[in-house]
Structures are given as C-alpha cells and as structure tokens.
C-alpha cells in the first residue's frame, strides 16, 4: 500500500505536551534485578556500575549502535500497562524505544557522565521529536540521567529475542488531550488510507491515532509516514515496530 501525497492536514486539535521532568523524587530503596542504585550525585567513579550481563543473557557482540537524546519516565506511567502487555515498573531496568524489537537488551551510555547500564526494551516511545530512548527511573539513576532530565547517549544493541530486521510496523500520529480531536484525525486518515486499518486508542500520553498498513512491513509503513502531514509540529507521525 502506498499513501497518496496530499496537502498538509489542517487540524484544530490541541497538541499534547509531555509532562515536566521530575526533579524532586527520591530514588527507590532498591531496584529489582539490580540491587544497587547509584545516585549520580554520590558516585565518585562514573561508569563503574556497568555490567556485561542482563537477566542471564550474555550481551556478547554489539550488533548496532545509535547516538541521540535520551530522557526518562516514571510517574504517571508507573504501574500502567506498557506496549509489551506487561505492567511498567519504574524501578526495573527497562526502557522504551520506537523501533527495536521487544525484549532487546541494550547498553545505554550517558556521554556526559560516562555512566552506563544495560536495559531491556519493554515499551514504545519516546514520542518527542529528537529523542531516541526513554529510560526507566532506575536506569536514569544508574546513567546519571535522573538529574539532567535529557542527555546525549550512545545505545549499543546486544541480545535480541526477535530479529532486528523484518517485524510488524505501523504509524502513530497524535497524542491529544481531547478524544474528539483524535477521532476527527482518525476519520481524516480513514478517508486518505482506504486500504489501511486506522484506529484511535487512549494511552498514557493522551489519545493516539494508529495507521496499520495492509502490508505491515517497514517499507509500507515508511510510505504512509512520509505522506502524513500535520499543521502542528509536535503532532508528527512516528514509525513504530509493534512486535
């Protein structure tokens, strides 16, 4: 399926603004699976807390790397269901990524502090332009990202439970406070992409619109994403791997 190029989509919807970064919350007493949380303000040896294994998975050879901005998320997402179908625990060593397969183990290194840790991809995001990964609260503390809020990181991809290539893909657009605005966008997308399945659904960041191409591979999803236009710079289409 190929989405036709259209004029920019004009919407009157109010775009979603991500919640402000929490800077006053105290570190949890302990982190499941990683018994020690190192507060960046108390760590005298940045990078000393790095590990070569995660949950018994030998990380081994690096298959790919990525550099970009990272942020972290905790409340109000804690104890809500993540994209992998499990309840998100801000005290576990996990992260959200838009395109890596669920279950992939990656090492995240804060290029400002030199601190690093291994995390497992269990959720999708961040849906903020320019950011490549959202760390859990626990992982943010181990990398020195907790107090910084946003920092440049290097991601090294290690063990993956699914192949890095292939997969099932979609395009997500939106995050609206008002469900009516999301439904209007859904109706517009249904008229434009007649062979795709278009749904609207509530998520922790608002109401989203998802376009599932008839052929759900990355190439067709990319064509849809490139054809979607929005008058709102923060309501951009994001290419997302579902599995």
Protein backbone atom coordinates (compact mmCIF):
# COMPACT_ATOMS: atom_id res chain seq x y z
CA UNK A 1 0.00 0.00 0.00
CA UNK A 2 1.26 3.46 -0.83
CA UNK A 3 -0.28 6.56 0.74
CA UNK A 4 -1.00 9.31 -1.75
CA UNK A 5 0.66 12.68 -1.27
CA UNK A 6 -1.87 15.20 -0.08
CA UNK A 7 -1.97 18.77 1.01
CA UNK A 8 -0.94 19.35 4.67
CA UNK A 9 -3.55 18.10 7.09
CA UNK A 10 -5.04 21.00 8.96
CA UNK A 11 -6.30 20.21 12.41
CA UNK A 12 -7.56 22.39 15.19
CA UNK A 13 -6.60 19.87 17.82
CA UNK A 14 -4.62 20.91 20.82
CA UNK A 15 -1.33 19.08 20.82
CA UNK A 16 -0.17 17.11 23.79
CA UNK A 17 2.74 18.48 25.82
CA UNK A 18 4.85 15.89 27.66
CA UNK A 19 4.74 16.20 31.45
CA UNK A 20 7.58 18.20 33.03
CA UNK A 21 10.62 16.25 34.08
CA UNK A 22 10.52 15.21 37.72
CA UNK A 23 13.50 16.54 39.63
CA UNK A 24 12.49 16.16 43.26
CA UNK A 25 11.56 12.48 43.55
CA UNK A 26 13.85 10.40 45.74
CA UNK A 27 15.47 7.21 44.46
CA UNK A 28 13.71 3.95 45.37
CA UNK A 29 15.25 1.92 48.13
CA UNK A 30 16.21 -0.87 45.75
CA UNK A 31 15.72 -1.96 42.18
CA UNK A 32 14.50 -5.46 41.26
CA UNK A 33 17.14 -7.50 39.42
CA UNK A 34 19.77 -4.80 40.07
CA UNK A 35 20.15 -4.49 43.86
CA UNK A 36 22.08 -1.22 43.96
CA UNK A 37 21.02 2.18 42.63
CA UNK A 38 23.90 4.62 42.33
CA UNK A 39 22.86 8.25 42.70
CA UNK A 40 24.90 10.37 40.25
CA UNK A 41 25.42 13.00 42.94
CA UNK A 42 27.13 10.40 45.16
CA UNK A 43 29.00 8.32 42.60
CA UNK A 44 32.74 9.07 42.63
CA UNK A 45 33.57 6.67 39.80
CA UNK A 46 31.29 7.24 36.78
CA UNK A 47 30.95 4.17 34.60
CA UNK A 48 31.98 1.74 37.34
CA UNK A 49 28.47 0.34 37.58
CA UNK A 50 28.40 -1.03 34.01
CA UNK A 51 27.59 -4.72 33.53
CA UNK A 52 28.12 -7.30 30.81
CA UNK A 53 25.02 -9.44 31.51
CA UNK A 54 21.30 -8.80 31.98
CA UNK A 55 18.95 -11.40 33.46
CA UNK A 56 21.30 -14.22 32.50
CA UNK A 57 21.58 -13.06 28.86
CA UNK A 58 25.17 -12.84 27.70
CA UNK A 59 25.24 -9.49 25.92
CA UNK A 60 28.21 -10.54 23.79
CA UNK A 61 28.84 -8.77 20.48
CA UNK A 62 27.40 -5.34 19.68
CA UNK A 63 25.17 -5.64 16.60
CA UNK A 64 24.45 -1.92 16.07
CA UNK A 65 24.84 1.47 17.74
CA UNK A 66 22.77 4.65 17.88
CA UNK A 67 23.51 8.12 19.27
CA UNK A 68 20.89 10.66 20.26
CA UNK A 69 18.96 12.23 23.11
CA UNK A 70 17.55 10.18 25.97
CA UNK A 71 15.00 11.07 28.63
CA UNK A 72 13.35 9.09 31.43
CA UNK A 73 9.82 8.34 32.55
CA UNK A 74 8.27 7.37 35.87
CA UNK A 75 5.02 8.76 37.28
CA UNK A 76 2.32 8.80 35.94
CA UNK A 77 3.34 5.77 33.84
CA UNK A 78 4.35 3.58 36.80
CA UNK A 79 2.04 0.55 37.24
CA UNK A 80 0.36 1.15 33.87
CA UNK A 81 0.44 -1.42 31.09
CA UNK A 82 3.30 -0.99 28.65
CA UNK A 83 3.42 -1.73 24.94
CA UNK A 84 4.70 -5.27 25.62
CA UNK A 85 1.48 -6.05 27.53
CA UNK A 86 3.14 -6.08 30.94
CA UNK A 87 2.81 -3.60 33.81
CA UNK A 88 5.52 -0.93 33.66
CA UNK A 89 7.72 -0.85 36.77
CA UNK A 90 9.77 2.33 37.07
CA UNK A 91 12.14 0.50 39.43
CA UNK A 92 13.12 -2.17 36.89
CA UNK A 93 15.95 -1.84 34.39
CA UNK A 94 13.88 -1.20 31.27
CA UNK A 95 13.43 1.36 28.51
CA UNK A 96 11.10 2.47 25.72
CA UNK A 97 12.26 2.57 22.09
CA UNK A 98 10.20 3.10 18.94
CA UNK A 99 11.82 0.57 16.60
CA UNK A 100 13.89 -2.06 18.43
CA UNK A 101 12.16 -5.45 18.93
CA UNK A 102 10.55 -6.04 22.31
CA UNK A 103 12.92 -7.83 24.66
CA UNK A 104 16.09 -6.45 23.06
CA UNK A 105 18.91 -5.85 25.55
CA UNK A 106 20.90 -2.66 25.02
CA UNK A 107 23.66 -0.83 26.84
CA UNK A 108 22.96 2.88 27.31
CA UNK A 109 25.94 5.16 27.96
CA UNK A 110 25.45 8.75 29.07
CA UNK A 111 28.05 10.61 27.00
CA UNK A 112 28.07 13.48 29.51
CA UNK A 113 28.68 11.45 32.68
CA UNK A 114 30.35 8.35 31.19
CA UNK A 115 27.99 6.15 33.22
CA UNK A 116 26.27 3.20 31.57
CA UNK A 117 23.86 0.37 32.26
CA UNK A 118 22.06 -2.46 30.46
CA UNK A 119 18.29 -2.30 29.95
CA UNK A 120 15.61 -4.37 28.25
CA UNK A 121 13.20 -2.79 25.74
CA UNK A 122 9.66 -3.29 27.08
CA UNK A 123 7.77 -0.24 25.84
CA UNK A 124 7.36 2.14 22.88
CA UNK A 125 8.48 5.76 22.83
CA UNK A 126 9.62 8.42 23.29
CA UNK A 127 7.14 10.29 21.10
CA UNK A 128 9.03 13.56 21.30
CA UNK A 129 10.93 14.82 18.28
CA UNK A 130 14.69 14.34 18.54
CA UNK A 131 14.69 11.75 21.35
CA UNK A 132 15.59 8.11 20.74
CA UNK A 133 15.03 6.32 24.06
CA UNK A 134 13.12 6.73 27.34
CA UNK A 135 14.77 5.11 30.36
CA UNK A 136 13.00 3.86 33.45
CA UNK A 137 13.58 5.83 36.64
CA UNK A 138 16.02 3.19 37.88
CA UNK A 139 18.03 3.20 34.64
CA UNK A 140 18.07 7.01 34.65
CA UNK A 141 19.72 6.97 38.07
CA UNK A 142 22.36 4.44 37.02
CA UNK A 143 23.36 6.52 33.99
CA UNK A 144 23.29 9.93 35.66
CA UNK A 145 20.30 11.00 33.56
CA UNK A 146 17.95 11.41 36.52
CA UNK A 147 19.04 14.92 37.48
CA UNK A 148 19.90 16.01 33.94
CA UNK A 149 16.46 15.08 32.58
CA UNK A 150 17.65 14.86 28.97
CA UNK A 151 21.15 13.94 27.80
CA UNK A 152 23.02 12.66 24.76
CA UNK A 153 23.60 8.91 24.93
CA UNK A 154 25.04 6.05 22.94
CA UNK A 155 22.90 2.92 22.56
CA UNK A 156 24.67 -0.38 21.87
CA UNK A 157 22.34 -3.18 20.79
CA UNK A 158 23.18 -6.62 22.18
CA UNK A 159 20.86 -9.59 22.65
CA UNK A 160 17.51 -9.53 20.83
CA UNK A 161 14.69 -12.04 21.33
CA UNK A 162 13.46 -11.28 17.79
CA UNK A 163 15.37 -10.46 14.58
CA UNK A 164 16.32 -6.81 14.25
CA UNK A 165 15.11 -6.85 10.64
CA UNK A 166 11.58 -7.59 9.48
CA UNK A 167 8.85 -7.26 12.06
CA UNK A 168 5.37 -5.74 12.06
CA UNK A 169 5.17 -1.96 11.67
CA UNK A 170 2.65 0.88 11.94
CA UNK A 171 2.49 4.67 12.04
CA UNK A 172 1.33 6.58 15.12
CA UNK A 173 0.11 10.17 14.95
CA UNK A 174 -1.13 12.44 17.68
CA UNK A 175 -1.42 12.41 21.37
CA UNK A 176 -4.39 14.60 22.08
CA UNK A 177 -5.97 15.62 25.37
CA UNK A 178 -9.38 15.74 23.70
CA UNK A 179 -10.66 12.42 22.36
CA UNK A 180 -12.92 14.23 19.85
CA UNK A 181 -9.88 15.75 18.16
CA UNK A 182 -8.28 12.32 17.88
CA UNK A 183 -11.46 10.91 16.36
CA UNK A 184 -11.51 13.71 13.78
CA UNK A 185 -7.95 12.84 12.80
CA UNK A 186 -8.90 9.17 12.62
CA UNK A 187 -11.78 9.94 10.23
CA UNK A 188 -9.47 12.00 8.04
CA UNK A 189 -6.87 9.23 7.91
CA UNK A 190 -9.53 6.63 7.07
CA UNK A 191 -10.56 8.67 4.05
CA UNK A 192 -6.96 9.00 2.89
CA UNK A 193 -5.74 5.46 3.54
CA UNK A 194 -8.66 3.31 2.43
CA UNK A 195 -6.76 0.01 2.47
CA UNK A 196 -5.25 0.55 5.91
CA UNK A 197 -6.72 -0.12 9.33
CA UNK A 198 -6.95 3.13 11.28
CA UNK A 199 -7.70 3.06 14.99
CA UNK A 200 -7.93 5.55 17.84
CA UNK A 201 -6.91 4.50 21.33
CA UNK A 202 -6.16 6.03 24.75
CA UNK A 203 -2.63 5.82 26.05
CA UNK A 204 -0.67 7.25 28.98
CA UNK A 205 0.20 10.36 26.94
CA UNK A 206 -3.29 11.07 25.58
CA UNK A 207 -5.39 9.83 22.65
CA UNK A 208 -3.42 8.40 19.73
CA UNK A 209 -4.27 7.53 16.15
CA UNK A 210 -2.57 4.48 14.66
CA UNK A 211 -2.41 3.57 10.97
CA UNK A 212 -1.79 -0.13 10.27
CA UNK A 213 -0.86 -0.63 6.58
CA UNK A 214 -2.47 -3.51 4.71
CA UNK A 215 1.07 -4.86 4.28
CA UNK A 216 2.56 -4.20 7.74
CA UNK A 217 6.24 -4.17 6.80
CA UNK A 218 8.63 -1.29 7.40
CA UNK A 219 8.72 -0.11 3.78
CA UNK A 220 4.94 0.34 3.52
CA UNK A 221 4.76 1.98 6.95
CA UNK A 222 7.51 4.37 5.90
CA UNK A 223 5.50 5.37 2.81
CA UNK A 224 2.49 6.13 5.00
CA UNK A 225 4.58 8.16 7.46
CA UNK A 226 6.10 10.23 4.66
CA UNK A 227 2.66 11.03 3.23
CA UNK A 228 1.14 12.18 6.52
CA UNK A 229 1.33 15.92 7.03
CA UNK A 230 0.22 17.95 10.02
CA UNK A 231 -0.10 21.68 10.68
CA UNK A 232 1.11 21.07 14.23
CA UNK A 233 4.88 20.48 14.52
CA UNK A 234 4.52 18.33 17.65
CA UNK A 235 1.77 16.11 16.19
CA UNK A 236 4.15 14.25 13.93
CA UNK A 237 3.89 10.72 12.51
CA UNK A 238 6.18 8.16 14.16
CA UNK A 239 7.24 4.87 12.64
CA UNK A 240 6.71 2.19 15.31
CA UNK A 241 7.53 -1.50 15.43
CA UNK A 242 4.71 -3.46 17.05
CA UNK A 243 6.49 -6.72 17.95
